[in-house]
Amino acid sequence: MMNGGMHMPMGMMIGMGIVWILILAFLVLGIAAFLKYLRSK
């Protein structure tokens, strides 16, 4: 399935990008909430 290296269909690339953006956004929100929680103690 992974033949040709980075020659993926456009939809797959966009889907992966959206997934990565969501993961990064959740990580940033989690870290921000954690820091807020630590500060409020």
PDB file of N, CA and C in Angstrom:
ATOM      1  N   MET A   1       0.832  -1.208   0.000  1.00  0.00           N
ATOM      2  CA  MET A   1       0.000   0.000   0.000  1.00  0.00           C
ATOM      3  C   MET A   1       0.871   1.264   0.000  1.00  0.00           C
ATOM      4  N   MET A   2       1.996   1.201   0.708  1.00  0.00           N
ATOM      5  CA  MET A   2       2.880   2.375   0.771  1.00  0.00           C
ATOM      6  C   MET A   2       3.953   2.289  -0.298  1.00  0.00           C
ATOM      7  N   ASN A   3       3.552   2.285  -1.567  1.00  0.00           N
ATOM      8  CA  ASN A   3       4.544   2.232  -2.640  1.00  0.00           C
ATOM      9  C   ASN A   3       4.724   3.622  -3.236  1.00  0.00           C
ATOM     10  N   GLY A   4       5.961   4.059  -3.405  1.00  0.00           N
ATOM     11  CA  GLY A   4       6.225   5.375  -3.989  1.00  0.00           C
ATOM     12  C   GLY A   4       6.447   6.446  -2.939  1.00  0.00           C
ATOM     13  N   GLY A   5       6.565   6.053  -1.665  1.00  0.00           N
ATOM     14  CA  GLY A   5       6.903   7.028  -0.634  1.00  0.00           C
ATOM     15  C   GLY A   5       5.775   7.994  -0.356  1.00  0.00           C
ATOM     16  N   MET A   6       5.978   9.269  -0.731  1.00  0.00           N
ATOM     17  CA  MET A   6       5.035  10.320  -0.355  1.00  0.00           C
ATOM     18  C   MET A   6       3.944  10.540  -1.405  1.00  0.00           C
ATOM     19  N   HIS A   7       3.734   9.583  -2.306  1.00  0.00           N
ATOM     20  CA  HIS A   7       2.716   9.773  -3.352  1.00  0.00           C
ATOM     21  C   HIS A   7       1.366   9.265  -2.862  1.00  0.00           C
ATOM     22  N   MET A   8       0.762  10.041  -1.957  1.00  0.00           N
ATOM     23  CA  MET A   8      -0.541   9.682  -1.405  1.00  0.00           C
ATOM     24  C   MET A   8      -1.631  10.467  -2.132  1.00  0.00           C
ATOM     25  N   PRO A   9      -2.854   9.950  -2.112  1.00  0.00           N
ATOM     26  CA  PRO A   9      -3.972  10.728  -2.657  1.00  0.00           C
ATOM     27  C   PRO A   9      -4.167  12.019  -1.867  1.00  0.00           C
ATOM     28  N   MET A  10      -4.712  13.041  -2.537  1.00  0.00           N
ATOM     29  CA  MET A  10      -4.861  14.346  -1.910  1.00  0.00           C
ATOM     30  C   MET A  10      -5.772  14.273  -0.692  1.00  0.00           C
ATOM     31  N   GLY A  11      -6.871  13.528  -0.801  1.00  0.00           N
ATOM     32  CA  GLY A  11      -7.800  13.429   0.322  1.00  0.00           C
ATOM     33  C   GLY A  11      -7.141  12.836   1.552  1.00  0.00           C
ATOM     34  N   MET A  12      -6.281  11.832   1.331  1.00  0.00           N
ATOM     35  CA  MET A  12      -5.594  11.202   2.450  1.00  0.00           C
ATOM     36  C   MET A  12      -4.660  12.194   3.132  1.00  0.00           C
ATOM     37  N   MET A  13      -3.932  12.967   2.331  1.00  0.00           N
ATOM     38  CA  MET A  13      -3.019  13.959   2.907  1.00  0.00           C
ATOM     39  C   MET A  13      -3.784  14.994   3.712  1.00  0.00           C
ATOM     40  N   ILE A  14      -4.912  15.464   3.174  1.00  0.00           N
ATOM     41  CA  ILE A  14      -5.712  16.468   3.880  1.00  0.00           C
ATOM     42  C   ILE A  14      -6.260  15.866   5.172  1.00  0.00           C
ATOM     43  N   GLY A  15      -6.723  14.615   5.098  1.00  0.00           N
ATOM     44  CA  GLY A  15      -7.243  13.953   6.292  1.00  0.00           C
ATOM     45  C   GLY A  15      -6.175  13.831   7.371  1.00  0.00           C
ATOM     46  N   MET A  16      -4.970  13.416   6.976  1.00  0.00           N
ATOM     47  CA  MET A  16      -3.887  13.299   7.938  1.00  0.00           C
ATOM     48  C   MET A  16      -3.556  14.661   8.548  1.00  0.00           C
ATOM     49  N   GLY A  17      -3.556  15.693   7.719  1.00  0.00           N
ATOM     50  CA  GLY A  17      -3.276  17.046   8.221  1.00  0.00           C
ATOM     51  C   GLY A  17      -4.310  17.479   9.244  1.00  0.00           C
ATOM     52  N   ILE A  18      -5.583  17.197   8.962  1.00  0.00           N
ATOM     53  CA  ILE A  18      -6.652  17.568   9.903  1.00  0.00           C
ATOM     54  C   ILE A  18      -6.474  16.812  11.210  1.00  0.00           C
ATOM     55  N   VAL A  19      -6.152  15.512  11.112  1.00  0.00           N
ATOM     56  CA  VAL A  19      -5.945  14.717  12.328  1.00  0.00           C
ATOM     57  C   VAL A  19      -4.793  15.291  13.139  1.00  0.00           C
ATOM     58  N   TRP A  20      -3.683  15.633  12.478  1.00  0.00           N
ATOM     59  CA  TRP A  20      -2.524  16.188  13.193  1.00  0.00           C
ATOM     60  C   TRP A  20      -2.869  17.516  13.849  1.00  0.00           C
ATOM     61  N   ILE A  21      -3.633  18.380  13.127  1.00  0.00           N
ATOM     62  CA  ILE A  21      -4.025  19.677  13.696  1.00  0.00           C
ATOM     63  C   ILE A  21      -4.886  19.462  14.933  1.00  0.00           C
ATOM     64  N   LEU A  22      -5.817  18.506  14.857  1.00  0.00           N
ATOM     65  CA  LEU A  22      -6.678  18.226  16.009  1.00  0.00           C
ATOM     66  C   LEU A  22      -5.851  17.726  17.193  1.00  0.00           C
ATOM     67  N   ILE A  23      -4.916  16.815  16.929  1.00  0.00           N
ATOM     68  CA  ILE A  23      -4.082  16.285  18.015  1.00  0.00           C
ATOM     69  C   ILE A  23      -3.265  17.415  18.648  1.00  0.00           C
ATOM     70  N   LEU A  24      -2.653  18.250  17.826  1.00  0.00           N
ATOM     71  CA  LEU A  24      -1.844  19.353  18.354  1.00  0.00           C
ATOM     72  C   LEU A  24      -2.712  20.326  19.146  1.00  0.00           C
ATOM     73  N   ALA A  25      -3.922  20.624  18.627  1.00  0.00           N
ATOM     74  CA  ALA A  25      -4.817  21.545  19.321  1.00  0.00           C
ATOM     75  C   ALA A  25      -5.200  20.983  20.693  1.00  0.00           C
ATOM     76  N   PHE A  26      -5.515  19.676  20.747  1.00  0.00           N
ATOM     77  CA  PHE A  26      -5.870  19.061  22.027  1.00  0.00           C
ATOM     78  C   PHE A  26      -4.693  19.099  22.990  1.00  0.00           C
ATOM     79  N   LEU A  27      -3.481  18.850  22.486  1.00  0.00           N
ATOM     80  CA  LEU A  27      -2.295  18.892  23.345  1.00  0.00           C
ATOM     81  C   LEU A  27      -2.094  20.295  23.911  1.00  0.00           C
ATOM     82  N   VAL A  28      -2.202  21.307  23.057  1.00  0.00           N
ATOM     83  CA  VAL A  28      -2.007  22.693  23.502  1.00  0.00           C
ATOM     84  C   VAL A  28      -3.063  23.064  24.539  1.00  0.00           C
ATOM     85  N   LEU A  29      -4.330  22.691  24.270  1.00  0.00           N
ATOM     86  CA  LEU A  29      -5.399  22.998  25.217  1.00  0.00           C
ATOM     87  C   LEU A  29      -5.171  22.275  26.535  1.00  0.00           C
ATOM     88  N   GLY A  30      -4.747  21.030  26.468  1.00  0.00           N
ATOM     89  CA  GLY A  30      -4.487  20.269  27.689  1.00  0.00           C
ATOM     90  C   GLY A  30      -3.370  20.895  28.511  1.00  0.00           C
ATOM     91  N   ILE A  31      -2.289  21.288  27.845  1.00  0.00           N
ATOM     92  CA  ILE A  31      -1.164  21.907  28.550  1.00  0.00           C
ATOM     93  C   ILE A  31      -1.602  23.238  29.167  1.00  0.00           C
ATOM     94  N   ALA A  32      -2.361  24.027  28.410  1.00  0.00           N
ATOM     95  CA  ALA A  32      -2.820  25.322  28.919  1.00  0.00           C
ATOM     96  C   ALA A  32      -3.717  25.125  30.146  1.00  0.00           C
ATOM     97  N   ALA A  33      -4.637  24.155  30.069  1.00  0.00           N
ATOM     98  CA  ALA A  33      -5.530  23.885  31.202  1.00  0.00           C
ATOM     99  C   ALA A  33      -4.719  23.409  32.410  1.00  0.00           C
ATOM    100  N   PHE A  34      -3.709  22.568  32.160  1.00  0.00           N
ATOM    101  CA  PHE A  34      -2.871  22.049  33.240  1.00  0.00           C
ATOM    102  C   PHE A  34      -2.104  23.182  33.917  1.00  0.00           C
ATOM    103  N   LEU A  35      -1.540  24.092  33.109  1.00  0.00           N
ATOM    104  CA  LEU A  35      -0.814  25.226  33.688  1.00  0.00           C
ATOM    105  C   LEU A  35      -1.751  26.116  34.484  1.00  0.00           C
ATOM    106  N   LYS A  36      -2.948  26.351  33.964  1.00  0.00           N
ATOM    107  CA  LYS A  36      -3.937  27.160  34.680  1.00  0.00           C
ATOM    108  C   LYS A  36      -4.273  26.515  36.016  1.00  0.00           C
ATOM    109  N   TYR A  37      -4.445  25.175  35.977  1.00  0.00           N
ATOM    110  CA  TYR A  37      -4.766  24.429  37.209  1.00  0.00           C
ATOM    111  C   TYR A  37      -3.634  24.539  38.215  1.00  0.00           C
ATOM    112  N   LEU A  38      -2.385  24.445  37.734  1.00  0.00           N
ATOM    113  CA  LEU A  38      -1.244  24.557  38.648  1.00  0.00           C
ATOM    114  C   LEU A  38      -1.162  25.960  39.239  1.00  0.00           C
ATOM    115  N   ARG A  39      -1.445  26.974  38.429  1.00  0.00           N
ATOM    116  CA  ARG A  39      -1.359  28.355  38.911  1.00  0.00           C
ATOM    117  C   ARG A  39      -2.426  28.652  39.949  1.00  0.00           C
ATOM    118  N   SER A  40      -3.608  28.024  39.774  1.00  0.00           N
ATOM    119  CA  SER A  40      -4.710  28.350  40.663  1.00  0.00           C
ATOM    120  C   SER A  40      -4.544  27.714  42.043  1.00  0.00           C
ATOM    121  N   LYS A  41      -3.630  26.754  42.181  1.00  0.00           N
ATOM    122  CA  LYS A  41      -3.433  26.099  43.488  1.00  0.00           C
ATOM    123  C   LYS A  41      -2.702  27.017  44.452  1.00  0.00           C
TER     124      LYS A  41
END
